[in-house]
């Protein structure tokens, strides 16, 4: 077990799935802590990327993959996608033994399904792991629980305070939620992790995912352009134009090939548009909002630093939104939540819409400073009013009204406004 393991929110879900399923697959980006978390609950480990043993493991996988499954259960098979045949070997072992909690698989890339014989439905469950939220890295005090808010819509949050200053918040976004960045001896070392991650993406990871060599310079240009359009619904064609406007000769087919690879290694983490029937289809904007799995990727791709962002809070506002979405996805995952956003051509918007699997949902805006709270609350209330008006006009196809209206801020004080909108610092939140 890791010496300095910081508990992860996903730990509880993993324990539940081990108890219920024959095998569990944890997917997510490299360096986010999948292996370390899995090792807390595994009884034996097979590391496919062990440089001293990889060749032997791959040879065994080709001849008799079942040999690699021998060990105490749950048995962790780390980076299983290096030998895709292991998927079917695990599925077969689960079928034959008829037991729960036999295997934990981890993977940093999605696998071409033509390389496996069976989806594993009913035998292998899947769960997504992201970089650490502020609560997991002990930077949010966790005094306001998302679960508690939904369970008690009148929960008193007035006066709860965050100790996360703007300087600390900017540093956290630049450093990212990479577990290894938390154990560095210096701030410089912590910030270097994200830069190293982006270098790894450009130089090797994006090519190894499908075996097709990609030009590091062009990958870097794509990441930089994506970062310039972060937290917007800019089209991919806009991204391409931005790339080529900066003297990089990329054609459309190449861009889509590179984007696919970045999605498969969990670097890009866009959110879809919510399209309720309160407006005509032509009024609601339906493009995905561009985001990274961690805000530090945008910072590193743009070559920024905490000092630069402290002087450019407008740019940091977009990075702050990416940080908030990352944390919301981590927190809401434990509640069966899904994140989307709403925007229409009349200027009405919600930066995020959090739907739970029981039907409850929240409309959310992200605002770094207190001066923008009034405008954010106005947007949320207008959107709620539009839903109420729709229900009055459509008695037979009513929509559920939002359960919560929330403005998540980079400030220090939580409170509920007289109009019911809850103002919550990101440094107070947890699942």
Protein backbone atom coordinates (compact mmCIF):
# COMPACT_ATOMS: atom_id res chain seq x y z
CA UNK A 1 0.00 0.00 0.00
CA UNK A 2 1.10 3.58 -0.67
CA UNK A 3 2.82 5.28 2.28
CA UNK A 4 1.09 8.64 1.89
CA UNK A 5 -2.20 7.64 0.34
CA UNK A 6 -4.83 10.37 0.26
CA UNK A 7 -8.31 8.81 0.21
CA UNK A 8 -10.25 9.29 -3.02
CA UNK A 9 -13.99 9.70 -3.44
CA UNK A 10 -13.95 6.84 -5.91
CA UNK A 11 -12.72 4.45 -3.19
CA UNK A 12 -16.26 3.86 -1.89
CA UNK A 13 -17.65 3.19 -5.35
CA UNK A 14 -14.80 0.78 -6.10
CA UNK A 15 -15.49 -1.17 -2.90
CA UNK A 16 -19.19 -1.38 -3.77
CA UNK A 17 -18.50 -2.57 -7.31
CA UNK A 18 -15.93 -5.16 -6.17
CA UNK A 19 -18.62 -6.57 -3.90
CA UNK A 20 -21.23 -6.65 -6.67
CA UNK A 21 -19.31 -7.60 -9.84
CA UNK A 22 -16.88 -10.24 -11.00
CA UNK A 23 -14.46 -7.61 -12.28
CA UNK A 24 -14.17 -3.82 -12.26
CA UNK A 25 -12.46 -1.66 -14.88
CA UNK A 26 -11.11 1.75 -13.80
CA UNK A 27 -10.50 4.09 -16.72
CA UNK A 28 -9.02 7.58 -16.72
CA UNK A 29 -5.98 9.63 -17.68
CA UNK A 30 -2.44 8.64 -16.86
CA UNK A 31 -1.07 9.87 -13.54
CA UNK A 32 -4.50 10.40 -11.94
CA UNK A 33 -3.97 7.66 -9.33
CA UNK A 34 -5.87 4.66 -10.73
CA UNK A 35 -3.22 2.11 -9.86
CA UNK A 36 -2.55 3.49 -6.38
CA UNK A 37 -6.24 3.54 -5.51
CA UNK A 38 -6.79 0.05 -6.90
CA UNK A 39 -3.83 -1.25 -4.88
CA UNK A 40 -5.55 -0.21 -1.66
CA UNK A 41 -8.15 -2.92 -2.26
CA UNK A 42 -6.25 -5.47 -4.38
CA UNK A 43 -4.71 -8.61 -2.86
CA UNK A 44 -2.27 -9.24 -5.75
CA UNK A 45 -0.93 -7.11 -8.61
CA UNK A 46 0.12 -7.63 -12.23
CA UNK A 47 1.80 -4.53 -13.68
CA UNK A 48 1.89 -4.86 -17.45
CA UNK A 49 4.24 -1.89 -17.77
CA UNK A 50 6.93 -3.32 -15.48
CA UNK A 51 10.00 -2.88 -17.75
CA UNK A 52 11.65 -6.02 -16.41
CA UNK A 53 8.64 -8.21 -17.09
CA UNK A 54 6.60 -6.65 -19.91
CA UNK A 55 8.09 -8.83 -22.64
CA UNK A 56 7.43 -12.01 -20.67
CA UNK A 57 3.90 -10.90 -19.80
CA UNK A 58 3.08 -10.13 -23.43
CA UNK A 59 4.46 -13.49 -24.55
CA UNK A 60 2.39 -15.28 -21.93
CA UNK A 61 -0.69 -13.33 -22.99
CA UNK A 62 -0.26 -14.62 -26.54
CA UNK A 63 0.10 -18.27 -25.51
CA UNK A 64 -1.91 -18.78 -22.33
CA UNK A 65 -3.36 -15.55 -20.89
CA UNK A 66 -5.10 -17.36 -18.03
CA UNK A 67 -1.67 -17.79 -16.37
CA UNK A 68 -1.52 -14.04 -15.81
CA UNK A 69 -4.75 -14.16 -13.83
CA UNK A 70 -3.38 -16.45 -11.13
CA UNK A 71 -3.07 -14.70 -7.79
CA UNK A 72 -5.02 -13.66 -4.71
CA UNK A 73 -8.29 -11.88 -5.43
CA UNK A 74 -9.11 -9.16 -6.09
CA UNK A 75 -6.19 -9.31 -8.54
CA UNK A 76 -5.18 -5.99 -10.06
CA UNK A 77 -4.20 -6.06 -13.73
CA UNK A 78 -2.65 -2.66 -14.36
CA UNK A 79 -2.78 -1.19 -17.91
CA UNK A 80 -4.49 -4.33 -19.23
CA UNK A 81 -4.93 -2.80 -22.69
CA UNK A 82 -1.29 -3.61 -23.48
CA UNK A 83 -2.56 -7.17 -24.04
CA UNK A 84 -6.24 -6.82 -25.11
CA UNK A 85 -6.69 -10.60 -24.97
CA UNK A 86 -6.70 -10.25 -21.17
CA UNK A 87 -10.18 -8.74 -21.37
CA UNK A 88 -11.70 -11.94 -22.71
CA UNK A 89 -9.55 -14.01 -20.34
CA UNK A 90 -10.97 -12.08 -17.40
CA UNK A 91 -14.53 -12.37 -18.70
CA UNK A 92 -14.11 -16.13 -19.14
CA UNK A 93 -12.65 -16.52 -15.63
CA UNK A 94 -15.58 -14.58 -14.15
CA UNK A 95 -18.04 -16.81 -16.03
CA UNK A 96 -16.35 -20.01 -14.93
CA UNK A 97 -15.91 -19.09 -11.27
CA UNK A 98 -19.19 -17.26 -10.79
CA UNK A 99 -17.75 -15.15 -7.97
CA UNK A 100 -17.60 -11.42 -7.21
CA UNK A 101 -14.53 -9.31 -6.64
CA UNK A 102 -12.11 -11.38 -8.70
CA UNK A 103 -10.30 -8.71 -10.71
CA UNK A 104 -9.61 -4.98 -10.92
CA UNK A 105 -8.42 -3.70 -14.28
CA UNK A 106 -6.99 -0.25 -14.94
CA UNK A 107 -6.54 1.45 -18.30
CA UNK A 108 -5.29 4.85 -19.49
CA UNK A 109 -6.59 4.48 -23.04
CA UNK A 110 -9.77 3.21 -24.60
CA UNK A 111 -9.34 0.03 -26.64
CA UNK A 112 -10.44 -0.75 -30.18
CA UNK A 113 -13.40 -3.09 -29.54
CA UNK A 114 -12.53 -5.17 -32.61
CA UNK A 115 -9.65 -6.54 -30.51
CA UNK A 116 -11.95 -8.09 -27.91
CA UNK A 117 -14.60 -10.76 -28.41
CA UNK A 118 -17.17 -9.70 -25.82
CA UNK A 119 -18.17 -6.40 -24.21
CA UNK A 120 -18.09 -7.89 -20.74
CA UNK A 121 -21.61 -6.71 -19.95
CA UNK A 122 -22.81 -8.25 -16.70
CA UNK A 123 -19.32 -9.43 -15.79
CA UNK A 124 -17.10 -6.33 -15.87
CA UNK A 125 -18.33 -2.97 -14.59
CA UNK A 126 -16.71 0.32 -15.58
CA UNK A 127 -15.90 3.40 -13.55
CA UNK A 128 -14.19 6.67 -14.45
CA UNK A 129 -11.43 8.22 -12.38
CA UNK A 130 -10.34 11.82 -12.78
CA UNK A 131 -7.51 13.86 -11.27
CA UNK A 132 -8.03 14.88 -7.66
CA UNK A 133 -10.69 17.38 -6.69
CA UNK A 134 -9.84 20.19 -4.28
CA UNK A 135 -11.51 18.22 -1.48
CA UNK A 136 -9.37 15.15 -2.19
CA UNK A 137 -6.19 17.23 -2.20
CA UNK A 138 -7.23 18.73 1.18
CA UNK A 139 -7.63 22.23 -0.28
CA UNK A 140 -11.42 22.39 0.04
CA UNK A 141 -12.62 22.09 3.61
CA UNK A 142 -15.68 20.11 2.43
CA UNK A 143 -18.11 21.90 4.74
CA UNK A 144 -20.82 21.95 2.06
CA UNK A 145 -21.79 18.55 0.71
CA UNK A 146 -23.41 18.31 -2.71
CA UNK A 147 -25.34 15.26 -1.51
CA UNK A 148 -26.62 17.14 1.54
CA UNK A 149 -27.72 20.08 -0.59
CA UNK A 150 -29.90 17.85 -2.75
CA UNK A 151 -31.26 15.97 0.27
CA UNK A 152 -32.11 19.19 2.12
CA UNK A 153 -32.95 22.01 -0.28
CA UNK A 154 -33.23 24.43 2.66
CA UNK A 155 -29.86 23.51 4.14
CA UNK A 156 -28.36 26.44 6.03
CA UNK A 157 -25.01 27.38 4.49
CA UNK A 158 -24.88 30.99 5.67
CA UNK A 159 -21.50 32.01 7.05
CA UNK A 160 -19.55 28.91 6.01
CA UNK A 161 -16.11 30.07 4.90
CA UNK A 162 -13.37 28.85 2.59
CA UNK A 163 -9.74 29.43 3.47
CA UNK A 164 -8.71 29.18 -0.19
CA UNK A 165 -7.38 32.58 -1.25
CA UNK A 166 -7.28 33.63 -4.90
CA UNK A 167 -3.52 33.03 -4.90
CA UNK A 168 -3.96 29.49 -3.57
CA UNK A 169 -6.80 28.82 -6.00
CA UNK A 170 -4.71 29.90 -8.99
CA UNK A 171 -1.80 27.77 -7.82
CA UNK A 172 -4.08 24.74 -7.39
CA UNK A 173 -5.44 25.13 -10.92
CA UNK A 174 -1.94 25.48 -12.38
CA UNK A 175 -0.61 22.51 -10.41
CA UNK A 176 -3.64 20.35 -11.20
CA UNK A 177 -5.07 17.33 -9.45
CA UNK A 178 -2.17 15.00 -10.22
CA UNK A 179 -1.32 13.04 -7.04
CA UNK A 180 2.42 13.17 -7.72
CA UNK A 181 2.30 16.99 -7.77
CA UNK A 182 1.26 17.00 -4.10
CA UNK A 183 4.40 15.30 -2.86
CA UNK A 184 6.98 17.56 -4.49
CA UNK A 185 9.27 19.47 -2.15
CA UNK A 186 8.83 22.82 -3.91
CA UNK A 187 6.12 24.79 -5.70
CA UNK A 188 8.27 24.75 -8.82
CA UNK A 189 8.41 20.95 -8.71
CA UNK A 190 4.64 20.72 -8.22
CA UNK A 191 3.95 22.97 -11.21
CA UNK A 192 6.38 21.02 -13.39
CA UNK A 193 4.19 17.89 -13.28
CA UNK A 194 1.54 19.37 -15.59
CA UNK A 195 4.17 20.58 -18.05
CA UNK A 196 5.73 17.12 -18.04
CA UNK A 197 2.29 15.60 -18.61
CA UNK A 198 1.70 17.75 -21.68
CA UNK A 199 5.17 16.86 -23.01
CA UNK A 200 4.34 13.17 -22.59
CA UNK A 201 1.06 13.63 -24.46
CA UNK A 202 2.72 15.36 -27.38
CA UNK A 203 5.83 13.20 -27.68
CA UNK A 204 4.40 9.71 -27.20
CA UNK A 205 0.99 9.10 -25.59
CA UNK A 206 -1.11 10.49 -28.42
CA UNK A 207 0.72 8.25 -30.92
CA UNK A 208 0.81 5.01 -28.93
CA UNK A 209 -2.96 5.00 -28.42
CA UNK A 210 -3.56 3.87 -32.01
CA UNK A 211 -0.04 3.13 -33.25
CA UNK A 212 -0.16 6.02 -35.71
CA UNK A 213 2.72 8.48 -35.42
CA UNK A 214 1.60 12.04 -34.83
CA UNK A 215 3.73 15.16 -35.10
CA UNK A 216 4.46 16.50 -31.61
CA UNK A 217 4.52 20.07 -32.95
CA UNK A 218 1.01 19.72 -34.34
CA UNK A 219 -0.30 18.01 -31.22
CA UNK A 220 1.06 20.87 -29.15
CA UNK A 221 -0.52 23.42 -31.51
CA UNK A 222 -3.88 21.64 -31.18
CA UNK A 223 -3.69 21.58 -27.37
CA UNK A 224 -2.75 25.27 -27.35
CA UNK A 225 -5.67 26.21 -29.58
CA UNK A 226 -8.06 24.06 -27.54
CA UNK A 227 -6.81 25.83 -24.42
CA UNK A 228 -7.42 29.23 -26.01
CA UNK A 229 -11.04 28.14 -26.55
CA UNK A 230 -11.46 26.49 -23.15
CA UNK A 231 -14.90 26.71 -21.51
CA UNK A 232 -16.52 27.89 -24.76
CA UNK A 233 -18.69 26.15 -27.33
CA UNK A 234 -16.36 27.13 -30.18
CA UNK A 235 -16.57 24.75 -33.13
CA UNK A 236 -13.73 22.46 -34.11
CA UNK A 237 -13.44 24.44 -37.33
CA UNK A 238 -12.79 27.53 -35.21
CA UNK A 239 -10.02 25.60 -33.46
CA UNK A 240 -8.55 24.59 -36.83
CA UNK A 241 -8.59 28.16 -38.09
CA UNK A 242 -6.88 29.29 -34.91
CA UNK A 243 -4.17 26.67 -35.37
CA UNK A 244 -3.49 27.67 -38.95
CA UNK A 245 -3.63 31.37 -38.14
CA UNK A 246 -0.62 30.70 -35.93
CA UNK A 247 1.42 29.26 -38.80
CA UNK A 248 0.69 25.56 -38.30
CA UNK A 249 -0.35 23.74 -41.47
CA UNK A 250 -3.00 21.30 -40.26
CA UNK A 251 -5.77 19.88 -42.43
CA UNK A 252 -9.23 19.06 -41.07
CA UNK A 253 -8.84 15.26 -41.24
CA UNK A 254 -5.59 15.45 -39.26
CA UNK A 255 -7.23 17.58 -36.58
CA UNK A 256 -10.10 15.11 -36.13
CA UNK A 257 -7.65 12.20 -35.98
CA UNK A 258 -5.66 13.97 -33.28
CA UNK A 259 -8.80 14.95 -31.35
CA UNK A 260 -9.94 11.32 -31.39
CA UNK A 261 -6.61 10.23 -29.94
CA UNK A 262 -6.77 12.92 -27.23
CA UNK A 263 -10.25 11.74 -26.30
CA UNK A 264 -9.09 8.13 -26.13
CA UNK A 265 -6.35 8.97 -23.64
CA UNK A 266 -8.79 11.05 -21.58
CA UNK A 267 -7.10 14.42 -22.11
CA UNK A 268 -10.21 16.14 -23.49
CA UNK A 269 -13.32 16.08 -21.31
CA UNK A 270 -15.98 18.16 -23.08
CA UNK A 271 -19.50 18.54 -21.72
CA UNK A 272 -22.62 18.38 -23.91
CA UNK A 273 -25.38 20.95 -24.22
CA UNK A 274 -28.64 20.43 -22.36
CA UNK A 275 -31.49 20.77 -24.82
CA UNK A 276 -34.84 20.93 -23.03
CA UNK A 277 -37.90 21.86 -25.07
CA UNK A 278 -38.26 25.34 -23.53
CA UNK A 279 -36.90 26.92 -26.71
CA UNK A 280 -37.07 26.02 -30.37
CA UNK A 281 -34.29 23.71 -31.53
CA UNK A 282 -32.74 26.53 -33.54
CA UNK A 283 -32.50 28.77 -30.47
CA UNK A 284 -30.53 26.40 -28.23
CA UNK A 285 -26.83 26.07 -28.90
CA UNK A 286 -25.92 22.41 -29.17
CA UNK A 287 -22.13 22.23 -29.53
CA UNK A 288 -20.06 20.64 -26.79
CA UNK A 289 -18.26 22.97 -24.42
CA UNK A 290 -14.51 22.50 -24.71
CA UNK A 291 -12.78 21.39 -21.52
CA UNK A 292 -9.78 19.35 -20.39
CA UNK A 293 -9.80 16.52 -17.85
CA UNK A 294 -7.77 18.90 -15.64
CA UNK A 295 -7.29 22.69 -15.83
CA UNK A 296 -3.52 22.37 -15.51
CA UNK A 297 -3.37 20.98 -19.06
CA UNK A 298 -4.68 24.28 -20.41
CA UNK A 299 -2.21 26.20 -18.25
CA UNK A 300 0.73 24.13 -19.44
CA UNK A 301 -0.37 24.16 -23.08
CA UNK A 302 -0.49 27.96 -23.00
CA UNK A 303 2.79 28.24 -21.11
CA UNK A 304 1.22 30.17 -18.24
CA UNK A 305 2.15 30.43 -14.57
CA UNK A 306 0.41 31.44 -11.33
CA UNK A 307 2.10 34.83 -11.45
CA UNK A 308 0.86 35.54 -14.98
CA UNK A 309 -2.69 34.44 -14.19
CA UNK A 310 -2.82 36.53 -11.02
CA UNK A 311 -2.35 39.53 -13.33
CA UNK A 312 -4.88 38.21 -15.87
CA UNK A 313 -7.98 37.16 -13.97
CA UNK A 314 -10.07 37.29 -17.14
CA UNK A 315 -8.09 34.38 -18.58
CA UNK A 316 -8.10 32.62 -15.23
CA UNK A 317 -11.90 32.84 -15.21
CA UNK A 318 -12.04 30.29 -18.02
CA UNK A 319 -9.51 28.03 -16.31
CA UNK A 320 -11.49 28.39 -13.08
CA UNK A 321 -14.56 27.07 -14.89
CA UNK A 322 -12.59 24.01 -16.02
CA UNK A 323 -11.48 23.44 -12.42
CA UNK A 324 -15.07 23.71 -11.17
CA UNK A 325 -16.38 21.26 -13.78
CA UNK A 326 -13.60 18.80 -12.90
CA UNK A 327 -14.56 18.95 -9.22
CA UNK A 328 -18.28 18.75 -9.93
CA UNK A 329 -17.74 15.65 -12.06
CA UNK A 330 -15.77 14.01 -9.26
CA UNK A 331 -18.37 14.94 -6.63
CA UNK A 332 -21.45 14.17 -8.69
CA UNK A 333 -20.12 10.82 -9.89
CA UNK A 334 -20.73 9.43 -6.40
CA UNK A 335 -24.35 10.58 -6.74
CA UNK A 336 -24.87 9.18 -10.24
CA UNK A 337 -24.70 12.69 -11.69
CA UNK A 338 -24.23 13.94 -15.24
CA UNK A 339 -22.93 17.39 -16.21
CA UNK A 340 -24.09 19.46 -19.17
CA UNK A 341 -24.57 23.18 -19.85
CA UNK A 342 -27.27 25.46 -21.27
CA UNK A 343 -26.91 28.36 -23.70
CA UNK A 344 -29.27 29.95 -26.20
CA UNK A 345 -29.11 32.72 -28.75
CA UNK A 346 -31.06 35.05 -26.46
CA UNK A 347 -28.13 35.16 -24.03
CA UNK A 348 -29.69 32.91 -21.40
CA UNK A 349 -27.21 30.43 -19.96
CA UNK A 350 -26.17 28.14 -17.16
CA UNK A 351 -22.48 27.24 -17.11
CA UNK A 352 -23.40 23.77 -15.85
CA UNK A 353 -26.52 21.69 -15.37
CA UNK A 354 -26.08 18.84 -12.89
CA UNK A 355 -28.63 16.06 -13.33
CA UNK A 356 -28.87 13.23 -10.80
CA UNK A 357 -30.22 9.81 -11.71
CA UNK A 358 -33.28 10.35 -9.47
CA UNK A 359 -34.41 13.29 -11.62
CA UNK A 360 -33.23 16.11 -9.38
CA UNK A 361 -31.07 18.75 -10.97
CA UNK A 362 -29.26 22.02 -10.32
CA UNK A 363 -28.59 25.01 -12.56
CA UNK A 364 -25.09 26.32 -11.88
CA UNK A 365 -23.01 29.34 -12.79
CA UNK A 366 -19.28 29.79 -12.13
CA UNK A 367 -18.02 33.22 -11.14
CA UNK A 368 -14.53 33.90 -9.89
CA UNK A 369 -15.30 37.15 -8.08
CA UNK A 370 -18.20 38.56 -6.06
CA UNK A 371 -18.92 41.42 -8.47
CA UNK A 372 -20.34 39.00 -11.07
CA UNK A 373 -22.63 37.11 -8.68
CA UNK A 374 -25.63 39.36 -9.32
CA UNK A 375 -25.52 38.75 -13.07
CA UNK A 376 -25.03 35.00 -12.58
CA UNK A 377 -28.01 34.77 -10.21
CA UNK A 378 -30.11 36.74 -12.70
CA UNK A 379 -29.32 34.22 -15.46
CA UNK A 380 -30.30 31.29 -13.25
CA UNK A 381 -33.55 32.89 -12.15
CA UNK A 382 -34.46 33.79 -15.73
CA UNK A 383 -33.85 30.23 -16.84
CA UNK A 384 -35.99 28.89 -14.00
CA UNK A 385 -38.73 31.37 -14.95
CA UNK A 386 -38.58 30.17 -18.55
CA UNK A 387 -39.12 26.59 -17.40
CA UNK A 388 -42.07 27.66 -15.22
CA UNK A 389 -43.58 29.54 -18.16
CA UNK A 390 -43.13 26.50 -20.40
CA UNK A 391 -44.97 24.33 -17.87
CA UNK A 392 -47.84 26.77 -17.71
CA UNK A 393 -48.20 26.57 -21.49
CA UNK A 394 -47.65 22.80 -21.76
CA UNK A 395 -49.64 21.09 -19.03
CA UNK A 396 -49.27 17.65 -20.65
CA UNK A 397 -45.47 17.75 -21.15
CA UNK A 398 -44.22 19.51 -18.08
CA UNK A 399 -40.54 19.76 -17.22
CA UNK A 400 -39.23 19.41 -13.71
CA UNK A 401 -38.26 22.73 -12.20
CA UNK A 402 -34.65 22.98 -11.00
CA UNK A 403 -34.15 21.82 -7.43
CA UNK A 404 -31.18 24.10 -6.83
CA UNK A 405 -29.80 27.34 -8.23
CA UNK A 406 -26.10 27.66 -7.39
CA UNK A 407 -23.34 30.15 -8.10
CA UNK A 408 -19.95 28.56 -7.42
CA UNK A 409 -17.34 31.20 -6.70
CA UNK A 410 -13.66 31.64 -6.03
CA UNK A 411 -14.57 33.72 -2.98
CA UNK A 412 -14.55 32.91 0.70
CA UNK A 413 -18.14 33.16 2.01
CA UNK A 414 -21.16 30.91 1.44
CA UNK A 415 -24.73 32.17 1.81
CA UNK A 416 -28.26 31.85 0.43
CA UNK A 417 -29.73 34.92 -1.21
CA UNK A 418 -33.28 36.07 -0.56
CA UNK A 419 -34.26 34.78 -4.01
CA UNK A 420 -33.05 31.29 -3.06
CA UNK A 421 -29.83 31.25 -5.11
CA UNK A 422 -27.03 29.60 -3.15
CA UNK A 423 -23.56 31.18 -3.31
CA UNK A 424 -20.91 28.55 -2.61
CA UNK A 425 -17.10 28.89 -2.69
CA UNK A 426 -15.40 26.02 -4.53
CA UNK A 427 -13.13 25.78 -1.48
CA UNK A 428 -16.08 24.62 0.66
CA UNK A 429 -17.42 21.85 -1.56
CA UNK A 430 -17.31 18.07 -1.44
CA UNK A 431 -19.44 15.17 -2.65
